[in-house]
Amino acid sequence: MPEGQHQLAITNREKVAISGVLQVLNYDDSEILLETTAGLLAIKGKGFNISNLNLEAGNLEAGGTVTNLNYSEGKGARSKGLFQRLLK
């Protein structure tokens, strides 16, 4: 895949494979928050477990039940999102 590209694949709402991952900003069993080449990606659900993470290649694989996906774009989206998370 060309550098800078982003792909997201979900199998039966239980397995997630993502490319174009730049950084994992937050992770627990109910949410994975990623910085990707396409912007911030929040994956919500339950029972998340990251089974493979390779930031050099930009790949992440996780298992769990996906209930919601949300992309955020725009300049400053990352810092604003982190600031809002700190206030929770």
PDB file of N, CA and C in Angstrom:
ATOM      1  N   MET A   1       0.847  -1.177   0.000  1.00  0.00           N
ATOM      2  CA  MET A   1       0.000   0.000   0.000  1.00  0.00           C
ATOM      3  C   MET A   1       0.891   1.239   0.000  1.00  0.00           C
ATOM      4  N   PRO A   2       0.577   2.232  -0.830  1.00  0.00           N
ATOM      5  CA  PRO A   2       1.378   3.455  -0.859  1.00  0.00           C
ATOM      6  C   PRO A   2       1.402   4.146   0.498  1.00  0.00           C
ATOM      7  N   GLU A   3       2.546   4.770   0.783  1.00  0.00           N
ATOM      8  CA  GLU A   3       2.699   5.467   2.054  1.00  0.00           C
ATOM      9  C   GLU A   3       1.642   6.567   2.197  1.00  0.00           C
ATOM     10  N   GLY A   4       1.106   6.727   3.394  1.00  0.00           N
ATOM     11  CA  GLY A   4       0.096   7.741   3.639  1.00  0.00           C
ATOM     12  C   GLY A   4      -1.326   7.263   3.434  1.00  0.00           C
ATOM     13  N   GLN A   5      -1.494   6.081   2.866  1.00  0.00           N
ATOM     14  CA  GLN A   5      -2.835   5.532   2.655  1.00  0.00           C
ATOM     15  C   GLN A   5      -3.381   4.972   3.968  1.00  0.00           C
ATOM     16  N   HIS A   6      -4.695   4.918   4.057  1.00  0.00           N
ATOM     17  CA  HIS A   6      -5.364   4.427   5.262  1.00  0.00           C
ATOM     18  C   HIS A   6      -6.453   3.446   4.845  1.00  0.00           C
ATOM     19  N   GLN A   7      -6.474   2.296   5.509  1.00  0.00           N
ATOM     20  CA  GLN A   7      -7.540   1.315   5.279  1.00  0.00           C
ATOM     21  C   GLN A   7      -8.047   0.824   6.616  1.00  0.00           C
ATOM     22  N   LEU A   8      -9.333   0.508   6.640  1.00  0.00           N
ATOM     23  CA  LEU A   8      -9.979  -0.014   7.833  1.00  0.00           C
ATOM     24  C   LEU A   8     -10.850  -1.183   7.415  1.00  0.00           C
ATOM     25  N   ALA A   9     -10.629  -2.341   8.044  1.00  0.00           N
ATOM     26  CA  ALA A   9     -11.451  -3.520   7.754  1.00  0.00           C
ATOM     27  C   ALA A   9     -11.994  -4.065   9.071  1.00  0.00           C
ATOM     28  N   ILE A  10     -13.306  -4.319   9.092  1.00  0.00           N
ATOM     29  CA  ILE A  10     -13.948  -4.897  10.266  1.00  0.00           C
ATOM     30  C   ILE A  10     -14.615  -6.193   9.832  1.00  0.00           C
ATOM     31  N   THR A  11     -14.326  -7.261  10.562  1.00  0.00           N
ATOM     32  CA  THR A  11     -14.909  -8.560  10.264  1.00  0.00           C
ATOM     33  C   THR A  11     -15.891  -8.927  11.371  1.00  0.00           C
ATOM     34  N   ASN A  12     -17.163  -9.058  11.009  1.00  0.00           N
ATOM     35  CA  ASN A  12     -18.227  -9.452  11.945  1.00  0.00           C
ATOM     36  C   ASN A  12     -18.272  -8.605  13.217  1.00  0.00           C
ATOM     37  N   ARG A  13     -17.886  -7.353  13.100  1.00  0.00           N
ATOM     38  CA  ARG A  13     -17.851  -6.429  14.244  1.00  0.00           C
ATOM     39  C   ARG A  13     -16.967  -6.939  15.376  1.00  0.00           C
ATOM     40  N   GLU A  14     -16.107  -7.930  15.110  1.00  0.00           N
ATOM     41  CA  GLU A  14     -15.277  -8.522  16.156  1.00  0.00           C
ATOM     42  C   GLU A  14     -13.785  -8.361  15.931  1.00  0.00           C
ATOM     43  N   LYS A  15     -13.354  -8.190  14.689  1.00  0.00           N
ATOM     44  CA  LYS A  15     -11.929  -8.046  14.396  1.00  0.00           C
ATOM     45  C   LYS A  15     -11.726  -6.800  13.555  1.00  0.00           C
ATOM     46  N   VAL A  16     -10.715  -6.015  13.927  1.00  0.00           N
ATOM     47  CA  VAL A  16     -10.419  -4.771  13.244  1.00  0.00           C
ATOM     48  C   VAL A  16      -8.973  -4.824  12.752  1.00  0.00           C
ATOM     49  N   ALA A  17      -8.777  -4.479  11.485  1.00  0.00           N
ATOM     50  CA  ALA A  17      -7.442  -4.360  10.904  1.00  0.00           C
ATOM     51  C   ALA A  17      -7.338  -2.975  10.288  1.00  0.00           C
ATOM     52  N   ILE A  18      -6.330  -2.220  10.696  1.00  0.00           N
ATOM     53  CA  ILE A  18      -6.195  -0.833  10.263  1.00  0.00           C
ATOM     54  C   ILE A  18      -4.773  -0.601   9.768  1.00  0.00           C
ATOM     55  N   SER A  19      -4.666   0.089   8.635  1.00  0.00           N
ATOM     56  CA  SER A  19      -3.362   0.545   8.157  1.00  0.00           C
ATOM     57  C   SER A  19      -3.368   2.066   8.139  1.00  0.00           C
ATOM     58  N   GLY A  20      -2.202   2.649   8.067  1.00  0.00           N
ATOM     59  CA  GLY A  20      -2.100   4.105   8.104  1.00  0.00           C
ATOM     60  C   GLY A  20      -2.146   4.652   9.518  1.00  0.00           C
ATOM     61  N   VAL A  21      -1.804   3.819  10.505  1.00  0.00           N
ATOM     62  CA  VAL A  21      -1.801   4.243  11.905  1.00  0.00           C
ATOM     63  C   VAL A  21      -0.489   4.959  12.207  1.00  0.00           C
ATOM     64  N   LEU A  22      -0.583   6.169  12.731  1.00  0.00           N
ATOM     65  CA  LEU A  22       0.601   6.938  13.097  1.00  0.00           C
ATOM     66  C   LEU A  22       0.933   6.796  14.579  1.00  0.00           C
ATOM     67  N   GLN A  23      -0.125   6.708  15.423  1.00  0.00           N
ATOM     68  CA  GLN A  23       0.081   6.685  16.859  1.00  0.00           C
ATOM     69  C   GLN A  23      -1.174   6.185  17.570  1.00  0.00           C
ATOM     70  N   VAL A  24      -0.990   5.448  18.651  1.00  0.00           N
ATOM     71  CA  VAL A  24      -2.104   5.067  19.519  1.00  0.00           C
ATOM     72  C   VAL A  24      -2.138   6.095  20.646  1.00  0.00           C
ATOM     73  N   LEU A  25      -3.218   6.862  20.708  1.00  0.00           N
ATOM     74  CA  LEU A  25      -3.327   7.931  21.697  1.00  0.00           C
ATOM     75  C   LEU A  25      -3.915   7.446  23.011  1.00  0.00           C
ATOM     76  N   ASN A  26      -4.829   6.484  22.935  1.00  0.00           N
ATOM     77  CA  ASN A  26      -5.448   5.945  24.134  1.00  0.00           C
ATOM     78  C   ASN A  26      -5.989   4.562  23.810  1.00  0.00           C
ATOM     79  N   TYR A  27      -5.929   3.685  24.803  1.00  0.00           N
ATOM     80  CA  TYR A  27      -6.429   2.336  24.597  1.00  0.00           C
ATOM     81  C   TYR A  27      -6.894   1.763  25.931  1.00  0.00           C
ATOM     82  N   ASP A  28      -8.106   1.243  25.946  1.00  0.00           N
ATOM     83  CA  ASP A  28      -8.587   0.435  27.060  1.00  0.00           C
ATOM     84  C   ASP A  28      -9.591  -0.565  26.499  1.00  0.00           C
ATOM     85  N   ASP A  29     -10.257  -1.311  27.345  1.00  0.00           N
ATOM     86  CA  ASP A  29     -11.131  -2.374  26.828  1.00  0.00           C
ATOM     87  C   ASP A  29     -12.404  -1.849  26.168  1.00  0.00           C
ATOM     88  N   SER A  30     -12.679  -0.519  26.281  1.00  0.00           N
ATOM     89  CA  SER A  30     -13.905   0.014  25.674  1.00  0.00           C
ATOM     90  C   SER A  30     -13.652   1.048  24.573  1.00  0.00           C
ATOM     91  N   GLU A  31     -12.391   1.461  24.362  1.00  0.00           N
ATOM     92  CA  GLU A  31     -12.110   2.449  23.328  1.00  0.00           C
ATOM     93  C   GLU A  31     -10.657   2.373  22.881  1.00  0.00           C
ATOM     94  N   ILE A  32     -10.478   2.545  21.578  1.00  0.00           N
ATOM     95  CA  ILE A  32      -9.142   2.693  21.006  1.00  0.00           C
ATOM     96  C   ILE A  32      -9.154   4.025  20.264  1.00  0.00           C
ATOM     97  N   LEU A  33      -8.240   4.922  20.617  1.00  0.00           N
ATOM     98  CA  LEU A  33      -8.143   6.232  19.982  1.00  0.00           C
ATOM     99  C   LEU A  33      -6.818   6.292  19.233  1.00  0.00           C
ATOM    100  N   LEU A  34      -6.915   6.493  17.910  1.00  0.00           N
ATOM    101  CA  LEU A  34      -5.738   6.448  17.049  1.00  0.00           C
ATOM    102  C   LEU A  34      -5.572   7.734  16.265  1.00  0.00           C
ATOM    103  N   GLU A  35      -4.324   8.076  15.997  1.00  0.00           N
ATOM    104  CA  GLU A  35      -4.024   9.104  15.005  1.00  0.00           C
ATOM    105  C   GLU A  35      -3.658   8.346  13.738  1.00  0.00           C
ATOM    106  N   THR A  36      -4.387   8.596  12.658  1.00  0.00           N
ATOM    107  CA  THR A  36      -4.133   7.920  11.389  1.00  0.00           C
ATOM    108  C   THR A  36      -3.808   8.962  10.322  1.00  0.00           C
ATOM    109  N   THR A  37      -3.414   8.488   9.173  1.00  0.00           N
ATOM    110  CA  THR A  37      -3.139   9.392   8.058  1.00  0.00           C
ATOM    111  C   THR A  37      -4.407  10.072   7.558  1.00  0.00           C
ATOM    112  N   ALA A  38      -5.577   9.577   7.964  1.00  0.00           N
ATOM    113  CA  ALA A  38      -6.867  10.173   7.572  1.00  0.00           C
ATOM    114  C   ALA A  38      -7.478  11.003   8.690  1.00  0.00           C
ATOM    115  N   GLY A  39      -6.767  11.202   9.787  1.00  0.00           N
ATOM    116  CA  GLY A  39      -7.271  11.963  10.920  1.00  0.00           C
ATOM    117  C   GLY A  39      -7.382  11.097  12.164  1.00  0.00           C
ATOM    118  N   LEU A  40      -8.004  11.625  13.191  1.00  0.00           N
ATOM    119  CA  LEU A  40      -8.203  10.870  14.425  1.00  0.00           C
ATOM    120  C   LEU A  40      -9.328   9.858  14.231  1.00  0.00           C
ATOM    121  N   LEU A  41      -9.130   8.684  14.782  1.00  0.00           N
ATOM    122  CA  LEU A  41     -10.137   7.632  14.696  1.00  0.00           C
ATOM    123  C   LEU A  41     -10.403   7.104  16.092  1.00  0.00           C
ATOM    124  N   ALA A  42     -11.647   7.184  16.526  1.00  0.00           N
ATOM    125  CA  ALA A  42     -12.080   6.630  17.809  1.00  0.00           C
ATOM    126  C   ALA A  42     -12.934   5.402  17.518  1.00  0.00           C
ATOM    127  N   ILE A  43     -12.521   4.269  18.063  1.00  0.00           N
ATOM    128  CA  ILE A  43     -13.273   3.023  17.924  1.00  0.00           C
ATOM    129  C   ILE A  43     -13.804   2.686  19.306  1.00  0.00           C
ATOM    130  N   LYS A  44     -15.126   2.594  19.421  1.00  0.00           N
ATOM    131  CA  LYS A  44     -15.741   2.298  20.714  1.00  0.00           C
ATOM    132  C   LYS A  44     -16.418   0.942  20.662  1.00  0.00           C
ATOM    133  N   GLY A  45     -16.487   0.308  21.833  1.00  0.00           N
ATOM    134  CA  GLY A  45     -17.101  -0.998  21.926  1.00  0.00           C
ATOM    135  C   GLY A  45     -16.813  -1.620  23.273  1.00  0.00           C
ATOM    136  N   LYS A  46     -16.562  -2.927  23.270  1.00  0.00           N
ATOM    137  CA  LYS A  46     -16.236  -3.603  24.528  1.00  0.00           C
ATOM    138  C   LYS A  46     -15.297  -4.776  24.271  1.00  0.00           C
ATOM    139  N   GLY A  47     -14.511  -5.083  25.265  1.00  0.00           N
ATOM    140  CA  GLY A  47     -13.607  -6.219  25.214  1.00  0.00           C
ATOM    141  C   GLY A  47     -12.448  -6.067  24.239  1.00  0.00           C
ATOM    142  N   PHE A  48     -11.987  -4.839  23.994  1.00  0.00           N
ATOM    143  CA  PHE A  48     -10.905  -4.639  23.034  1.00  0.00           C
ATOM    144  C   PHE A  48      -9.584  -5.197  23.543  1.00  0.00           C
ATOM    145  N   ASN A  49      -8.866  -5.818  22.618  1.00  0.00           N
ATOM    146  CA  ASN A  49      -7.541  -6.341  22.888  1.00  0.00           C
ATOM    147  C   ASN A  49      -6.713  -6.151  21.619  1.00  0.00           C
ATOM    148  N   ILE A  50      -5.660  -5.353  21.700  1.00  0.00           N
ATOM    149  CA  ILE A  50      -4.786  -5.159  20.545  1.00  0.00           C
ATOM    150  C   ILE A  50      -3.890  -6.379  20.424  1.00  0.00           C
ATOM    151  N   SER A  51      -4.014  -7.086  19.302  1.00  0.00           N
ATOM    152  CA  SER A  51      -3.237  -8.310  19.105  1.00  0.00           C
ATOM    153  C   SER A  51      -1.972  -8.076  18.297  1.00  0.00           C
ATOM    154  N   ASN A  52      -1.943  -6.995  17.501  1.00  0.00           N
ATOM    155  CA  ASN A  52      -0.763  -6.701  16.694  1.00  0.00           C
ATOM    156  C   ASN A  52      -0.677  -5.192  16.500  1.00  0.00           C
ATOM    157  N   LEU A  53       0.483  -4.638  16.792  1.00  0.00           N
ATOM    158  CA  LEU A  53       0.719  -3.218  16.588  1.00  0.00           C
ATOM    159  C   LEU A  53       2.128  -3.043  16.040  1.00  0.00           C
ATOM    160  N   ASN A  54       2.230  -2.441  14.861  1.00  0.00           N
ATOM    161  CA  ASN A  54       3.508  -2.153  14.238  1.00  0.00           C
ATOM    162  C   ASN A  54       3.449  -0.722  13.712  1.00  0.00           C
ATOM    163  N   LEU A  55       3.944   0.219  14.507  1.00  0.00           N
ATOM    164  CA  LEU A  55       3.864   1.626  14.132  1.00  0.00           C
ATOM    165  C   LEU A  55       4.816   1.961  12.989  1.00  0.00           C
ATOM    166  N   GLU A  56       5.905   1.209  12.851  1.00  0.00           N
ATOM    167  CA  GLU A  56       6.817   1.446  11.727  1.00  0.00           C
ATOM    168  C   GLU A  56       6.110   1.187  10.402  1.00  0.00           C
ATOM    169  N   ALA A  57       5.316   0.116  10.355  1.00  0.00           N
ATOM    170  CA  ALA A  57       4.539  -0.205   9.152  1.00  0.00           C
ATOM    171  C   ALA A  57       3.184   0.496   9.156  1.00  0.00           C
ATOM    172  N   GLY A  58       2.746   0.999  10.327  1.00  0.00           N
ATOM    173  CA  GLY A  58       1.463   1.693  10.435  1.00  0.00           C
ATOM    174  C   GLY A  58       0.272   0.770  10.518  1.00  0.00           C
ATOM    175  N   ASN A  59       0.470  -0.440  11.076  1.00  0.00           N
ATOM    176  CA  ASN A  59      -0.606  -1.435  11.136  1.00  0.00           C
ATOM    177  C   ASN A  59      -1.030  -1.726  12.565  1.00  0.00           C
ATOM    178  N   LEU A  60      -2.339  -1.953  12.732  1.00  0.00           N
ATOM    179  CA  LEU A  60      -2.900  -2.343  14.019  1.00  0.00           C
ATOM    180  C   LEU A  60      -3.978  -3.380  13.771  1.00  0.00           C
ATOM    181  N   GLU A  61      -4.004  -4.408  14.609  1.00  0.00           N
ATOM    182  CA  GLU A  61      -5.074  -5.412  14.601  1.00  0.00           C
ATOM    183  C   GLU A  61      -5.595  -5.545  16.021  1.00  0.00           C
ATOM    184  N   ALA A  62      -6.909  -5.615  16.166  1.00  0.00           N
ATOM    185  CA  ALA A  62      -7.517  -5.725  17.483  1.00  0.00           C
ATOM    186  C   ALA A  62      -8.763  -6.594  17.407  1.00  0.00           C
ATOM    187  N   GLY A  63      -9.099  -7.187  18.542  1.00  0.00           N
ATOM    188  CA  GLY A  63     -10.320  -7.961  18.675  1.00  0.00           C
ATOM    189  C   GLY A  63     -11.211  -7.300  19.714  1.00  0.00           C
ATOM    190  N   GLY A  64     -12.486  -7.596  19.674  1.00  0.00           N
ATOM    191  CA  GLY A  64     -13.471  -7.022  20.583  1.00  0.00           C
ATOM    192  C   GLY A  64     -14.753  -6.787  19.813  1.00  0.00           C
ATOM    193  N   THR A  65     -15.718  -6.182  20.447  1.00  0.00           N
ATOM    194  CA  THR A  65     -16.989  -5.895  19.792  1.00  0.00           C
ATOM    195  C   THR A  65     -17.063  -4.406  19.465  1.00  0.00           C
ATOM    196  N   VAL A  66     -17.149  -4.076  18.177  1.00  0.00           N
ATOM    197  CA  VAL A  66     -17.202  -2.684  17.729  1.00  0.00           C
ATOM    198  C   VAL A  66     -18.647  -2.199  17.742  1.00  0.00           C
ATOM    199  N   THR A  67     -18.882  -1.061  18.409  1.00  0.00           N
ATOM    200  CA  THR A  67     -20.216  -0.472  18.431  1.00  0.00           C
ATOM    201  C   THR A  67     -20.268   0.897  17.755  1.00  0.00           C
ATOM    202  N   ASN A  68     -19.100   1.559  17.616  1.00  0.00           N
ATOM    203  CA  ASN A  68     -19.088   2.907  17.062  1.00  0.00           C
ATOM    204  C   ASN A  68     -17.714   3.246  16.516  1.00  0.00           C
ATOM    205  N   LEU A  69     -17.694   3.922  15.363  1.00  0.00           N
ATOM    206  CA  LEU A  69     -16.468   4.472  14.773  1.00  0.00           C
ATOM    207  C   LEU A  69     -16.686   5.953  14.557  1.00  0.00           C
ATOM    208  N   ASN A  70     -15.658   6.755  14.847  1.00  0.00           N
ATOM    209  CA  ASN A  70     -15.792   8.185  14.652  1.00  0.00           C
ATOM    210  C   ASN A  70     -14.456   8.767  14.192  1.00  0.00           C
ATOM    211  N   TYR A  71     -14.483   9.453  13.047  1.00  0.00           N
ATOM    212  CA  TYR A  71     -13.309  10.145  12.539  1.00  0.00           C
ATOM    213  C   TYR A  71     -13.423  11.623  12.863  1.00  0.00           C
ATOM    214  N   SER A  72     -12.299  12.234  13.202  1.00  0.00           N
ATOM    215  CA  SER A  72     -12.211  13.676  13.389  1.00  0.00           C
ATOM    216  C   SER A  72     -11.119  14.191  12.468  1.00  0.00           C
ATOM    217  N   GLU A  73     -11.398  15.309  11.810  1.00  0.00           N
ATOM    218  CA  GLU A  73     -10.411  15.877  10.902  1.00  0.00           C
ATOM    219  C   GLU A  73     -10.137  17.312  11.266  1.00  0.00           C
ATOM    220  N   GLY A  74      -9.205  17.875  10.521  1.00  0.00           N
ATOM    221  CA  GLY A  74      -8.926  19.289  10.655  1.00  0.00           C
ATOM    222  C   GLY A  74      -7.723  19.563  11.514  1.00  0.00           C
ATOM    223  N   LYS A  75      -7.155  20.740  11.301  1.00  0.00           N
ATOM    224  CA  LYS A  75      -5.996  21.150  12.062  1.00  0.00           C
ATOM    225  C   LYS A  75      -6.362  21.302  13.521  1.00  0.00           C
ATOM    226  N   GLY A  76      -5.514  20.801  14.393  1.00  0.00           N
ATOM    227  CA  GLY A  76      -5.739  20.928  15.821  1.00  0.00           C
ATOM    228  C   GLY A  76      -6.732  19.927  16.369  1.00  0.00           C
ATOM    229  N   ALA A  77      -7.251  19.029  15.552  1.00  0.00           N
ATOM    230  CA  ALA A  77      -8.229  18.056  16.037  1.00  0.00           C
ATOM    231  C   ALA A  77      -7.616  17.179  17.114  1.00  0.00           C
ATOM    232  N   ARG A  78      -6.362  16.802  16.932  1.00  0.00           N
ATOM    233  CA  ARG A  78      -5.708  15.934  17.899  1.00  0.00           C
ATOM    234  C   ARG A  78      -5.575  16.634  19.246  1.00  0.00           C
ATOM    235  N   SER A  79      -5.009  17.830  19.261  1.00  0.00           N
ATOM    236  CA  SER A  79      -4.797  18.512  20.535  1.00  0.00           C
ATOM    237  C   SER A  79      -6.122  18.860  21.211  1.00  0.00           C
ATOM    238  N   LYS A  80      -7.115  19.263  20.431  1.00  0.00           N
ATOM    239  CA  LYS A  80      -8.423  19.579  20.995  1.00  0.00           C
ATOM    240  C   LYS A  80      -9.052  18.336  21.604  1.00  0.00           C
ATOM    241  N   GLY A  81      -8.986  17.212  20.914  1.00  0.00           N
ATOM    242  CA  GLY A  81      -9.544  15.968  21.421  1.00  0.00           C
ATOM    243  C   GLY A  81      -8.867  15.519  22.702  1.00  0.00           C
ATOM    244  N   LEU A  82      -7.544  15.635  22.744  1.00  0.00           N
ATOM    245  CA  LEU A  82      -6.814  15.245  23.947  1.00  0.00           C
ATOM    246  C   LEU A  82      -7.157  16.171  25.107  1.00  0.00           C
ATOM    247  N   PHE A  83      -7.278  17.471  24.824  1.00  0.00           N
ATOM    248  CA  PHE A  83      -7.634  18.433  25.868  1.00  0.00           C
ATOM    249  C   PHE A  83      -9.012  18.117  26.431  1.00  0.00           C
ATOM    250  N   GLN A  84      -9.968  17.832  25.559  1.00  0.00           N
ATOM    251  CA  GLN A  84     -11.315  17.502  26.007  1.00  0.00           C
ATOM    252  C   GLN A  84     -11.318  16.217  26.826  1.00  0.00           C
ATOM    253  N   ARG A  85     -10.473  15.234  26.436  1.00  0.00           N
ATOM    254  CA  ARG A  85     -10.402  13.974  27.172  1.00  0.00           C
ATOM    255  C   ARG A  85      -9.825  14.197  28.573  1.00  0.00           C
ATOM    256  N   LEU A  86      -8.875  15.143  28.696  1.00  0.00           N
ATOM    257  CA  LEU A  86      -8.275  15.423  29.992  1.00  0.00           C
ATOM    258  C   LEU A  86      -9.293  16.042  30.951  1.00  0.00           C
ATOM    259  N   LEU A  87     -10.258  16.764  30.414  1.00  0.00           N
ATOM    260  CA  LEU A  87     -11.256  17.423  31.254  1.00  0.00           C
ATOM    261  C   LEU A  87     -12.361  16.484  31.715  1.00  0.00           C
ATOM    262  N   LYS A  88     -12.415  15.294  31.161  1.00  0.00           N
ATOM    263  CA  LYS A  88     -13.471  14.343  31.557  1.00  0.00           C
ATOM    264  C   LYS A  88     -13.243  13.820  32.944  1.00  0.00           C
TER     265      LYS A  88
END
